[in-house]
Amino acid sequence: MNRNVILTCAVTGAGDTTAKNPNVPVTPKAIAASCIEAARAGASIAHIHVRDPETGGISHSSEQFREVMERVREADVDIVMNITAGGGGDWIPDATDPTRGGPGTDIQTPAERHAPVGELLPELCTLDCGSLNFGDMVYVNPADWLREHARLVQAAGVKPELECFDLGHVWFARQLQQEGLIDGDPLYQLCLGIPWGAEADTETMLAMRNKLPTNANWAAFGIGRHQMPMVAQAVLLGGHARVGLEDNLFLEKGVLANNGQLVEKASTIIENLGARVMTPAETRAHLKLRNPSGDVV
């Protein structure tokens, strides 16, 4: 069991969720406010995407990421910032020409995915470690793209959170480490419950955990109704946890949540297990992250 838990709040994501829960933040101002709300509720890390303010859909705007970061840093709270670098991988074959991307396809190069991270230098960024049948689309992440992306993150001095949606992703993340593309003790995020990746259950989490390097820090999350059970399971198996409206819209059946409520509920579960949530400062020290000032802890 892990008695000192890093708790991440993934505040918005990029999915089609804004019409399902009005608490899902869309504008940079609202996303920053959700990060601040999560910090006040006790979260260690805020994981952020940005959205098109007009449509609520996917955005990769460095300026929107910058606004979120600046608003959070100017607030009277502390929280570790984790910028997504996993956007721009959505592939939906065109119905008449499957060699081309159809409506909904959104592809970026590794350099384009990395651009906001390289400009803003957050403490953490995600590095999704493989391709996947992601619901009805394909998430595209070829091995050489990942190597290029890992080199860019490494050169920026940002710590990558190695997101693994299936067991083969853990295998490839270990390969990146063996090739010298991951510095220090790696940080893994086991992403459970997304069709058609790793299932959100004890057996799957345990299998993935058992394949991690001995020096790994790791966390896990489940989506939807699996969110809180996977918080408890991750802590009991020695890991850290993640909640937030990116992954789950409900506090309980039929009751819509906000990010602060999800952090509070997860914190209560963690405390009831006899553990505690680490502060942002403790998180930086534990993971050897840079401070917002730019210094490494």
C-alpha atoms as a PDB file:
ATOM      1  CA  MET A   1       0.000   0.000   0.000  1.00  0.00           C
ATOM      2  CA  ASN A   2       1.093   3.568  -0.706  1.00  0.00           C
ATOM      3  CA  ARG A   3       0.599   5.872   2.278  1.00  0.00           C
ATOM      4  CA  ASN A   4       1.774   9.083   0.558  1.00  0.00           C
ATOM      5  CA  VAL A   5      -0.367   9.578  -2.516  1.00  0.00           C
ATOM      6  CA  ILE A   6       0.039  12.031  -5.395  1.00  0.00           C
ATOM      7  CA  LEU A   7      -3.483  12.967  -6.507  1.00  0.00           C
ATOM      8  CA  THR A   8      -3.927  14.355 -10.019  1.00  0.00           C
ATOM      9  CA  CYS A   9      -7.040  16.180 -11.205  1.00  0.00           C
ATOM     10  CA  ALA A  10      -7.568  16.019 -14.992  1.00  0.00           C
ATOM     11  CA  VAL A  11      -9.870  18.991 -15.262  1.00  0.00           C
ATOM     12  CA  THR A  12     -11.324  18.957 -18.793  1.00  0.00           C
ATOM     13  CA  GLY A  13      -9.878  16.586 -21.419  1.00  0.00           C
ATOM     14  CA  ALA A  14     -10.793  16.931 -25.076  1.00  0.00           C
ATOM     15  CA  GLY A  15     -13.761  14.592 -25.376  1.00  0.00           C
ATOM     16  CA  ASP A  16     -17.352  15.388 -26.311  1.00  0.00           C
ATOM     17  CA  THR A  17     -18.406  15.991 -22.712  1.00  0.00           C
ATOM     18  CA  THR A  18     -19.306  19.669 -22.486  1.00  0.00           C
ATOM     19  CA  ALA A  19     -22.982  19.077 -23.352  1.00  0.00           C
ATOM     20  CA  LYS A  20     -23.236  16.308 -20.764  1.00  0.00           C
ATOM     21  CA  ASN A  21     -22.008  18.289 -17.749  1.00  0.00           C
ATOM     22  CA  PRO A  22     -22.010  22.109 -17.649  1.00  0.00           C
ATOM     23  CA  ASN A  23     -19.158  22.010 -15.110  1.00  0.00           C
ATOM     24  CA  VAL A  24     -16.674  20.851 -17.768  1.00  0.00           C
ATOM     25  CA  PRO A  25     -14.525  23.958 -18.336  1.00  0.00           C
ATOM     26  CA  VAL A  26     -14.041  25.229 -21.880  1.00  0.00           C
ATOM     27  CA  THR A  27     -12.386  28.658 -21.928  1.00  0.00           C
ATOM     28  CA  PRO A  28      -8.836  29.209 -20.630  1.00  0.00           C
ATOM     29  CA  LYS A  29     -10.308  31.278 -17.777  1.00  0.00           C
ATOM     30  CA  ALA A  30     -12.675  28.453 -16.793  1.00  0.00           C
ATOM     31  CA  ILE A  31      -9.970  25.771 -17.129  1.00  0.00           C
ATOM     32  CA  ALA A  32      -7.649  27.803 -14.898  1.00  0.00           C
ATOM     33  CA  ALA A  33     -10.484  28.266 -12.395  1.00  0.00           C
ATOM     34  CA  SER A  34     -10.969  24.487 -12.327  1.00  0.00           C
ATOM     35  CA  CYS A  35      -7.257  23.977 -11.652  1.00  0.00           C
ATOM     36  CA  ILE A  36      -7.477  26.460  -8.777  1.00  0.00           C
ATOM     37  CA  GLU A  37     -10.617  24.729  -7.489  1.00  0.00           C
ATOM     38  CA  ALA A  38      -8.806  21.382  -7.582  1.00  0.00           C
ATOM     39  CA  ALA A  39      -5.815  22.872  -5.755  1.00  0.00           C
ATOM     40  CA  ARG A  40      -8.019  24.255  -2.999  1.00  0.00           C
ATOM     41  CA  ALA A  41      -9.693  20.857  -2.678  1.00  0.00           C
ATOM     42  CA  GLY A  42      -6.257  19.304  -2.101  1.00  0.00           C
ATOM     43  CA  ALA A  43      -5.032  18.017  -5.486  1.00  0.00           C
ATOM     44  CA  SER A  44      -1.285  17.635  -6.000  1.00  0.00           C
ATOM     45  CA  ILE A  45      -1.271  17.991  -9.810  1.00  0.00           C
ATOM     46  CA  ALA A  46      -3.568  19.580 -12.400  1.00  0.00           C
ATOM     47  CA  HIS A  47      -3.565  17.880 -15.805  1.00  0.00           C
ATOM     48  CA  ILE A  48      -4.818  20.179 -18.558  1.00  0.00           C
ATOM     49  CA  HIS A  49      -6.041  20.169 -22.108  1.00  0.00           C
ATOM     50  CA  VAL A  50      -7.386  23.294 -23.798  1.00  0.00           C
ATOM     51  CA  ARG A  51     -10.523  23.599 -25.909  1.00  0.00           C
ATOM     52  CA  ASP A  52     -11.862  25.805 -28.669  1.00  0.00           C
ATOM     53  CA  PRO A  53     -13.741  28.485 -26.694  1.00  0.00           C
ATOM     54  CA  GLU A  54     -16.463  28.683 -29.355  1.00  0.00           C
ATOM     55  CA  THR A  55     -17.170  24.993 -29.949  1.00  0.00           C
ATOM     56  CA  GLY A  56     -15.750  23.242 -26.886  1.00  0.00           C
ATOM     57  CA  GLY A  57     -13.837  20.962 -29.255  1.00  0.00           C
ATOM     58  CA  ILE A  58     -10.144  20.127 -29.507  1.00  0.00           C
ATOM     59  CA  SER A  59      -7.584  22.915 -29.454  1.00  0.00           C
ATOM     60  CA  HIS A  60      -3.790  22.816 -29.499  1.00  0.00           C
ATOM     61  CA  SER A  61      -3.265  26.555 -28.992  1.00  0.00           C
ATOM     62  CA  SER A  62      -0.067  27.437 -27.164  1.00  0.00           C
ATOM     63  CA  GLU A  63      -1.580  30.809 -26.269  1.00  0.00           C
ATOM     64  CA  GLN A  64      -4.549  29.138 -24.583  1.00  0.00           C
ATOM     65  CA  PHE A  65      -2.201  26.881 -22.612  1.00  0.00           C
ATOM     66  CA  ARG A  66      -0.185  29.977 -21.698  1.00  0.00           C
ATOM     67  CA  GLU A  67      -3.265  31.795 -20.408  1.00  0.00           C
ATOM     68  CA  VAL A  68      -4.246  28.827 -18.254  1.00  0.00           C
ATOM     69  CA  MET A  69      -0.727  28.514 -16.846  1.00  0.00           C
ATOM     70  CA  GLU A  70      -0.431  32.223 -16.103  1.00  0.00           C
ATOM     71  CA  ARG A  71      -3.820  32.427 -14.397  1.00  0.00           C
ATOM     72  CA  VAL A  72      -3.003  29.443 -12.181  1.00  0.00           C
ATOM     73  CA  ARG A  73       0.479  30.729 -11.304  1.00  0.00           C
ATOM     74  CA  GLU A  74      -0.936  34.134 -10.400  1.00  0.00           C
ATOM     75  CA  ALA A  75      -3.522  32.632  -8.025  1.00  0.00           C
ATOM     76  CA  ASP A  76      -3.039  32.202  -4.288  1.00  0.00           C
ATOM     77  CA  VAL A  77      -2.644  28.423  -4.595  1.00  0.00           C
ATOM     78  CA  ASP A  78       0.110  25.984  -5.455  1.00  0.00           C
ATOM     79  CA  ILE A  79      -0.344  23.013  -7.771  1.00  0.00           C
ATOM     80  CA  VAL A  80       1.960  21.072 -10.115  1.00  0.00           C
ATOM     81  CA  MET A  81       1.026  21.686 -13.758  1.00  0.00           C
ATOM     82  CA  ASN A  82       0.889  18.842 -16.274  1.00  0.00           C
ATOM     83  CA  ILE A  83       0.225  19.828 -19.906  1.00  0.00           C
ATOM     84  CA  THR A  84      -1.082  17.247 -22.331  1.00  0.00           C
ATOM     85  CA  ALA A  85       1.215  16.498 -25.254  1.00  0.00           C
ATOM     86  CA  GLY A  86      -0.960  13.660 -26.523  1.00  0.00           C
ATOM     87  CA  GLY A  87      -3.281  15.606 -28.793  1.00  0.00           C
ATOM     88  CA  GLY A  88      -3.210  15.402 -32.550  1.00  0.00           C
ATOM     89  CA  GLY A  89      -3.365  11.632 -32.878  1.00  0.00           C
ATOM     90  CA  ASP A  90      -6.998  11.031 -33.833  1.00  0.00           C
ATOM     91  CA  TRP A  91      -7.513   9.062 -37.059  1.00  0.00           C
ATOM     92  CA  ILE A  92     -10.887   8.234 -38.590  1.00  0.00           C
ATOM     93  CA  PRO A  93     -10.613   6.741 -42.089  1.00  0.00           C
ATOM     94  CA  ASP A  94     -12.579   8.512 -44.804  1.00  0.00           C
ATOM     95  CA  ALA A  95     -15.591   6.404 -45.791  1.00  0.00           C
ATOM     96  CA  THR A  96     -14.850   6.655 -49.522  1.00  0.00           C
ATOM     97  CA  ASP A  97     -11.031   6.621 -49.371  1.00  0.00           C
ATOM     98  CA  PRO A  98      -9.642   4.835 -46.312  1.00  0.00           C
ATOM     99  CA  THR A  99      -6.109   5.985 -47.156  1.00  0.00           C
ATOM    100  CA  ARG A 100      -7.166   9.482 -46.098  1.00  0.00           C
ATOM    101  CA  GLY A 101      -8.442  10.864 -42.829  1.00  0.00           C
ATOM    102  CA  GLY A 102     -12.146  11.620 -42.738  1.00  0.00           C
ATOM    103  CA  PRO A 103     -14.176  14.032 -40.588  1.00  0.00           C
ATOM    104  CA  GLY A 104     -12.933  14.069 -37.012  1.00  0.00           C
ATOM    105  CA  THR A 105      -9.334  13.254 -37.927  1.00  0.00           C
ATOM    106  CA  ASP A 106      -6.834  15.437 -36.064  1.00  0.00           C
ATOM    107  CA  ILE A 107      -3.159  14.590 -36.655  1.00  0.00           C
ATOM    108  CA  GLN A 108      -0.086  16.500 -35.475  1.00  0.00           C
ATOM    109  CA  THR A 109       3.613  15.774 -35.802  1.00  0.00           C
ATOM    110  CA  PRO A 110       5.660  15.147 -32.641  1.00  0.00           C
ATOM    111  CA  ALA A 111       7.109  18.664 -32.925  1.00  0.00           C
ATOM    112  CA  GLU A 112       3.604  20.173 -33.111  1.00  0.00           C
ATOM    113  CA  ARG A 113       2.429  18.141 -30.123  1.00  0.00           C
ATOM    114  CA  HIS A 114       5.453  19.284 -28.157  1.00  0.00           C
ATOM    115  CA  ALA A 115       5.206  22.986 -29.031  1.00  0.00           C
ATOM    116  CA  PRO A 116       3.222  24.203 -25.958  1.00  0.00           C
ATOM    117  CA  VAL A 117       5.426  22.138 -23.642  1.00  0.00           C
ATOM    118  CA  GLY A 118       8.628  23.464 -25.161  1.00  0.00           C
ATOM    119  CA  GLU A 119       7.378  27.058 -24.934  1.00  0.00           C
ATOM    120  CA  LEU A 120       5.852  26.967 -21.438  1.00  0.00           C
ATOM    121  CA  LEU A 121       8.064  24.390 -19.658  1.00  0.00           C
ATOM    122  CA  PRO A 122       5.553  22.961 -17.177  1.00  0.00           C
ATOM    123  CA  GLU A 123       6.751  20.582 -14.473  1.00  0.00           C
ATOM    124  CA  LEU A 124       5.151  17.612 -16.270  1.00  0.00           C
ATOM    125  CA  CYS A 125       3.759  16.676 -19.667  1.00  0.00           C
ATOM    126  CA  THR A 126       2.130  13.522 -20.938  1.00  0.00           C
ATOM    127  CA  LEU A 127       3.762  11.137 -23.394  1.00  0.00           C
ATOM    128  CA  ASP A 128       1.269   8.588 -24.715  1.00  0.00           C
ATOM    129  CA  CYS A 129       3.191   5.382 -25.325  1.00  0.00           C
ATOM    130  CA  GLY A 130       1.515   3.691 -28.258  1.00  0.00           C
ATOM    131  CA  SER A 131      -1.319   3.503 -30.754  1.00  0.00           C
ATOM    132  CA  LEU A 132      -4.779   2.233 -29.816  1.00  0.00           C
ATOM    133  CA  ASN A 133      -8.292   1.523 -31.030  1.00  0.00           C
ATOM    134  CA  PHE A 134      -9.708   4.400 -28.963  1.00  0.00           C
ATOM    135  CA  GLY A 135     -13.453   3.873 -29.076  1.00  0.00           C
ATOM    136  CA  ASP A 136     -14.471   4.176 -32.719  1.00  0.00           C
ATOM    137  CA  MET A 137     -11.304   5.956 -33.843  1.00  0.00           C
ATOM    138  CA  VAL A 138      -7.630   5.027 -33.948  1.00  0.00           C
ATOM    139  CA  TYR A 139      -5.163   6.939 -31.785  1.00  0.00           C
ATOM    140  CA  VAL A 140      -1.983   7.064 -33.906  1.00  0.00           C
ATOM    141  CA  ASN A 141       1.416   7.051 -32.211  1.00  0.00           C
ATOM    142  CA  PRO A 142       4.086   5.154 -34.207  1.00  0.00           C
ATOM    143  CA  ALA A 143       7.251   4.072 -32.409  1.00  0.00           C
ATOM    144  CA  ASP A 144       9.555   6.483 -34.233  1.00  0.00           C
ATOM    145  CA  TRP A 145       7.189   9.376 -33.527  1.00  0.00           C
ATOM    146  CA  LEU A 146       7.382   8.472 -29.850  1.00  0.00           C
ATOM    147  CA  ARG A 147      11.160   8.375 -29.902  1.00  0.00           C
ATOM    148  CA  GLU A 148      11.259  11.814 -31.541  1.00  0.00           C
ATOM    149  CA  HIS A 149       8.730  13.163 -29.050  1.00  0.00           C
ATOM    150  CA  ALA A 150      10.638  11.707 -26.083  1.00  0.00           C
ATOM    151  CA  ARG A 151      13.833  13.418 -27.278  1.00  0.00           C
ATOM    152  CA  LEU A 152      12.035  16.770 -27.478  1.00  0.00           C
ATOM    153  CA  VAL A 153      10.627  16.410 -23.953  1.00  0.00           C
ATOM    154  CA  GLN A 154      14.020  15.311 -22.640  1.00  0.00           C
ATOM    155  CA  ALA A 155      15.780  18.288 -24.244  1.00  0.00           C
ATOM    156  CA  ALA A 156      13.225  20.655 -22.679  1.00  0.00           C
ATOM    157  CA  GLY A 157      13.966  19.316 -19.217  1.00  0.00           C
ATOM    158  CA  VAL A 158      10.299  18.485 -18.561  1.00  0.00           C
ATOM    159  CA  LYS A 159       9.449  15.198 -16.872  1.00  0.00           C
ATOM    160  CA  PRO A 160       7.204  12.985 -19.033  1.00  0.00           C
ATOM    161  CA  GLU A 161       4.236  11.170 -17.562  1.00  0.00           C
ATOM    162  CA  LEU A 162       4.249   7.923 -19.558  1.00  0.00           C
ATOM    163  CA  GLU A 163       0.599   7.250 -20.331  1.00  0.00           C
ATOM    164  CA  CYS A 164      -0.084   3.578 -20.977  1.00  0.00           C
ATOM    165  CA  PHE A 165      -3.483   2.485 -22.275  1.00  0.00           C
ATOM    166  CA  ASP A 166      -2.509  -1.162 -22.750  1.00  0.00           C
ATOM    167  CA  LEU A 167       0.154  -3.637 -21.686  1.00  0.00           C
ATOM    168  CA  GLY A 168       2.193  -3.173 -24.868  1.00  0.00           C
ATOM    169  CA  HIS A 169       2.478   0.529 -24.079  1.00  0.00           C
ATOM    170  CA  VAL A 170       4.248  -0.363 -20.823  1.00  0.00           C
ATOM    171  CA  TRP A 171       6.640  -2.527 -22.835  1.00  0.00           C
ATOM    172  CA  PHE A 172       7.447   0.333 -25.213  1.00  0.00           C
ATOM    173  CA  ALA A 173       7.835   2.856 -22.376  1.00  0.00           C
ATOM    174  CA  ARG A 174      10.430   0.518 -20.828  1.00  0.00           C
ATOM    175  CA  GLN A 175      12.152   0.468 -24.221  1.00  0.00           C
ATOM    176  CA  LEU A 176      12.331   4.269 -24.255  1.00  0.00           C
ATOM    177  CA  GLN A 177      13.986   4.104 -20.861  1.00  0.00           C
ATOM    178  CA  GLN A 178      16.473   1.460 -22.037  1.00  0.00           C
ATOM    179  CA  GLU A 179      17.373   3.662 -25.021  1.00  0.00           C
ATOM    180  CA  GLY A 180      18.217   6.545 -22.667  1.00  0.00           C
ATOM    181  CA  LEU A 181      15.260   8.709 -23.694  1.00  0.00           C
ATOM    182  CA  ILE A 182      13.746   8.943 -20.195  1.00  0.00           C
ATOM    183  CA  ASP A 183      15.812  10.626 -17.482  1.00  0.00           C
ATOM    184  CA  GLY A 184      15.704   9.661 -13.821  1.00  0.00           C
ATOM    185  CA  ASP A 185      13.026   7.516 -12.228  1.00  0.00           C
ATOM    186  CA  PRO A 186      10.162   7.193 -14.747  1.00  0.00           C
ATOM    187  CA  LEU A 187       6.583   8.219 -13.988  1.00  0.00           C
ATOM    188  CA  TYR A 188       3.889   5.949 -15.435  1.00  0.00           C
ATOM    189  CA  GLN A 189       0.143   6.595 -15.700  1.00  0.00           C
ATOM    190  CA  LEU A 190      -1.946   3.451 -16.209  1.00  0.00           C
ATOM    191  CA  CYS A 191      -5.066   4.498 -18.140  1.00  0.00           C
ATOM    192  CA  LEU A 192      -7.874   2.003 -17.594  1.00  0.00           C
ATOM    193  CA  GLY A 193     -11.346   1.524 -18.981  1.00  0.00           C
ATOM    194  CA  ILE A 194     -11.071   3.247 -22.373  1.00  0.00           C
ATOM    195  CA  PRO A 195     -12.576   1.061 -25.118  1.00  0.00           C
ATOM    196  CA  TRP A 196     -10.593  -0.821 -26.471  1.00  0.00           C
ATOM    197  CA  GLY A 197      -7.561  -0.661 -24.274  1.00  0.00           C
ATOM    198  CA  ALA A 198      -6.806  -2.009 -20.816  1.00  0.00           C
ATOM    199  CA  GLU A 199      -9.878  -2.813 -18.733  1.00  0.00           C
ATOM    200  CA  ALA A 200     -10.533  -1.088 -15.415  1.00  0.00           C
ATOM    201  CA  ASP A 201     -10.211  -3.972 -12.997  1.00  0.00           C
ATOM    202  CA  THR A 202      -7.805  -5.315 -10.409  1.00  0.00           C
ATOM    203  CA  GLU A 203      -6.313  -8.037 -12.596  1.00  0.00           C
ATOM    204  CA  THR A 204      -5.422  -5.605 -15.373  1.00  0.00           C
ATOM    205  CA  MET A 205      -3.955  -2.969 -13.060  1.00  0.00           C
ATOM    206  CA  LEU A 206      -1.885  -5.603 -11.283  1.00  0.00           C
ATOM    207  CA  ALA A 207      -0.620  -7.081 -14.565  1.00  0.00           C
ATOM    208  CA  MET A 208       0.471  -3.644 -15.786  1.00  0.00           C
ATOM    209  CA  ARG A 209       2.022  -2.697 -12.455  1.00  0.00           C
ATOM    210  CA  ASN A 210       4.025  -5.920 -12.405  1.00  0.00           C
ATOM    211  CA  LYS A 211       5.622  -5.010 -15.746  1.00  0.00           C
ATOM    212  CA  LEU A 212       6.900  -1.627 -14.552  1.00  0.00           C
ATOM    213  CA  PRO A 213      10.606  -0.981 -13.981  1.00  0.00           C
ATOM    214  CA  THR A 214      11.730  -1.347 -10.378  1.00  0.00           C
ATOM    215  CA  ASN A 215      12.511   2.382 -10.126  1.00  0.00           C
ATOM    216  CA  ALA A 216       9.140   3.538 -11.484  1.00  0.00           C
ATOM    217  CA  ASN A 217       6.675   5.864  -9.835  1.00  0.00           C
ATOM    218  CA  TRP A 218       3.196   5.054 -11.062  1.00  0.00           C
ATOM    219  CA  ALA A 219      -0.420   6.132 -10.901  1.00  0.00           C
ATOM    220  CA  ALA A 220      -3.635   4.778 -12.363  1.00  0.00           C
ATOM    221  CA  PHE A 221      -7.118   5.946 -13.194  1.00  0.00           C
ATOM    222  CA  GLY A 222     -10.395   4.473 -14.380  1.00  0.00           C
ATOM    223  CA  ILE A 223     -13.052   6.259 -16.396  1.00  0.00           C
ATOM    224  CA  GLY A 224     -16.739   6.721 -15.580  1.00  0.00           C
ATOM    225  CA  ARG A 225     -18.083   4.629 -12.726  1.00  0.00           C
ATOM    226  CA  HIS A 226     -14.661   2.989 -12.346  1.00  0.00           C
ATOM    227  CA  GLN A 227     -12.993   6.236 -11.259  1.00  0.00           C
ATOM    228  CA  MET A 228     -13.278   5.939  -7.481  1.00  0.00           C
ATOM    229  CA  PRO A 229     -12.782   2.141  -7.267  1.00  0.00           C
ATOM    230  CA  MET A 230      -9.541   2.565  -9.232  1.00  0.00           C
ATOM    231  CA  VAL A 231      -8.411   5.303  -6.802  1.00  0.00           C
ATOM    232  CA  ALA A 232      -8.690   2.815  -3.956  1.00  0.00           C
ATOM    233  CA  GLN A 233      -7.144  -0.020  -5.953  1.00  0.00           C
ATOM    234  CA  ALA A 234      -4.147   2.038  -7.058  1.00  0.00           C
ATOM    235  CA  VAL A 235      -3.381   3.104  -3.490  1.00  0.00           C
ATOM    236  CA  LEU A 236      -3.702  -0.463  -2.211  1.00  0.00           C
ATOM    237  CA  LEU A 237      -1.312  -1.709  -4.903  1.00  0.00           C
ATOM    238  CA  GLY A 238       1.294   0.945  -4.112  1.00  0.00           C
ATOM    239  CA  GLY A 239       0.473   3.628  -6.672  1.00  0.00           C
ATOM    240  CA  HIS A 240      -0.855   7.149  -6.996  1.00  0.00           C
ATOM    241  CA  ALA A 241      -4.262   8.226  -8.321  1.00  0.00           C
ATOM    242  CA  ARG A 242      -6.105  10.504 -10.738  1.00  0.00           C
ATOM    243  CA  VAL A 243      -9.649  11.862 -10.866  1.00  0.00           C
ATOM    244  CA  GLY A 244     -11.349  14.725 -12.707  1.00  0.00           C
ATOM    245  CA  LEU A 245     -13.953  15.627 -15.296  1.00  0.00           C
ATOM    246  CA  GLU A 246     -11.751  14.443 -18.158  1.00  0.00           C
ATOM    247  CA  ASP A 247     -12.434  10.881 -17.048  1.00  0.00           C
ATOM    248  CA  ASN A 248     -15.754  10.957 -15.194  1.00  0.00           C
ATOM    249  CA  LEU A 249     -18.688  13.408 -15.070  1.00  0.00           C
ATOM    250  CA  PHE A 250     -20.547  12.126 -12.002  1.00  0.00           C
ATOM    251  CA  LEU A 251     -20.079  12.368  -8.244  1.00  0.00           C
ATOM    252  CA  GLU A 252     -22.457   9.449  -7.855  1.00  0.00           C
ATOM    253  CA  LYS A 253     -25.144   7.912 -10.026  1.00  0.00           C
ATOM    254  CA  GLY A 254     -27.273  10.696 -11.467  1.00  0.00           C
ATOM    255  CA  VAL A 255     -25.383  13.494  -9.682  1.00  0.00           C
ATOM    256  CA  LEU A 256     -23.148  15.665 -11.863  1.00  0.00           C
ATOM    257  CA  ALA A 257     -19.767  16.552 -10.366  1.00  0.00           C
ATOM    258  CA  ASN A 258     -17.311  19.396 -10.479  1.00  0.00           C
ATOM    259  CA  ASN A 259     -13.561  18.928 -10.219  1.00  0.00           C
ATOM    260  CA  GLY A 260     -13.301  20.055  -6.609  1.00  0.00           C
ATOM    261  CA  GLN A 261     -15.924  17.532  -5.511  1.00  0.00           C
ATOM    262  CA  LEU A 262     -14.110  14.689  -7.261  1.00  0.00           C
ATOM    263  CA  VAL A 263     -10.823  15.655  -5.584  1.00  0.00           C
ATOM    264  CA  GLU A 264     -12.534  15.821  -2.188  1.00  0.00           C
ATOM    265  CA  LYS A 265     -14.189  12.430  -2.665  1.00  0.00           C
ATOM    266  CA  ALA A 266     -10.920  10.808  -3.753  1.00  0.00           C
ATOM    267  CA  SER A 267      -9.077  12.432  -0.837  1.00  0.00           C
ATOM    268  CA  THR A 268     -11.614  10.970   1.577  1.00  0.00           C
ATOM    269  CA  ILE A 269     -11.140   7.496   0.086  1.00  0.00           C
ATOM    270  CA  ILE A 270      -7.366   7.838   0.369  1.00  0.00           C
ATOM    271  CA  GLU A 271      -7.572   9.026   3.972  1.00  0.00           C
ATOM    272  CA  ASN A 272     -10.038   6.281   4.922  1.00  0.00           C
ATOM    273  CA  LEU A 273      -7.478   3.750   3.672  1.00  0.00           C
ATOM    274  CA  GLY A 274      -4.955   5.185   6.126  1.00  0.00           C
ATOM    275  CA  ALA A 275      -2.985   7.225   3.567  1.00  0.00           C
ATOM    276  CA  ARG A 276      -2.628  10.953   2.842  1.00  0.00           C
ATOM    277  CA  VAL A 277      -2.471  13.187  -0.225  1.00  0.00           C
ATOM    278  CA  MET A 278       0.905  14.786  -0.899  1.00  0.00           C
ATOM    279  CA  THR A 279       1.182  18.540  -1.259  1.00  0.00           C
ATOM    280  CA  PRO A 280       2.396  20.046  -4.539  1.00  0.00           C
ATOM    281  CA  ALA A 281       5.746  20.878  -2.899  1.00  0.00           C
ATOM    282  CA  GLU A 282       6.113  17.299  -1.663  1.00  0.00           C
ATOM    283  CA  THR A 283       5.167  16.063  -5.133  1.00  0.00           C
ATOM    284  CA  ARG A 284       7.902  18.142  -6.780  1.00  0.00           C
ATOM    285  CA  ALA A 285      10.463  16.823  -4.314  1.00  0.00           C
ATOM    286  CA  HIS A 286       9.320  13.208  -4.672  1.00  0.00           C
ATOM    287  CA  LEU A 287       9.345  13.252  -8.491  1.00  0.00           C
ATOM    288  CA  LYS A 288      12.385  15.587  -8.725  1.00  0.00           C
ATOM    289  CA  LEU A 289      10.479  18.189 -10.739  1.00  0.00           C
ATOM    290  CA  ARG A 290      11.490  21.755 -11.476  1.00  0.00           C
ATOM    291  CA  ASN A 291       9.826  24.479  -9.427  1.00  0.00           C
ATOM    292  CA  PRO A 292       7.670  26.975 -11.344  1.00  0.00           C
ATOM    293  CA  SER A 293      10.670  29.302 -10.951  1.00  0.00           C
ATOM    294  CA  GLY A 294      12.661  26.933 -13.178  1.00  0.00           C
ATOM    295  CA  ASP A 295      14.894  25.402 -10.505  1.00  0.00           C
ATOM    296  CA  VAL A 296      14.933  21.623 -10.043  1.00  0.00           C
ATOM    297  CA  VAL A 297      13.891  20.504  -6.559  1.00  0.00           C
END
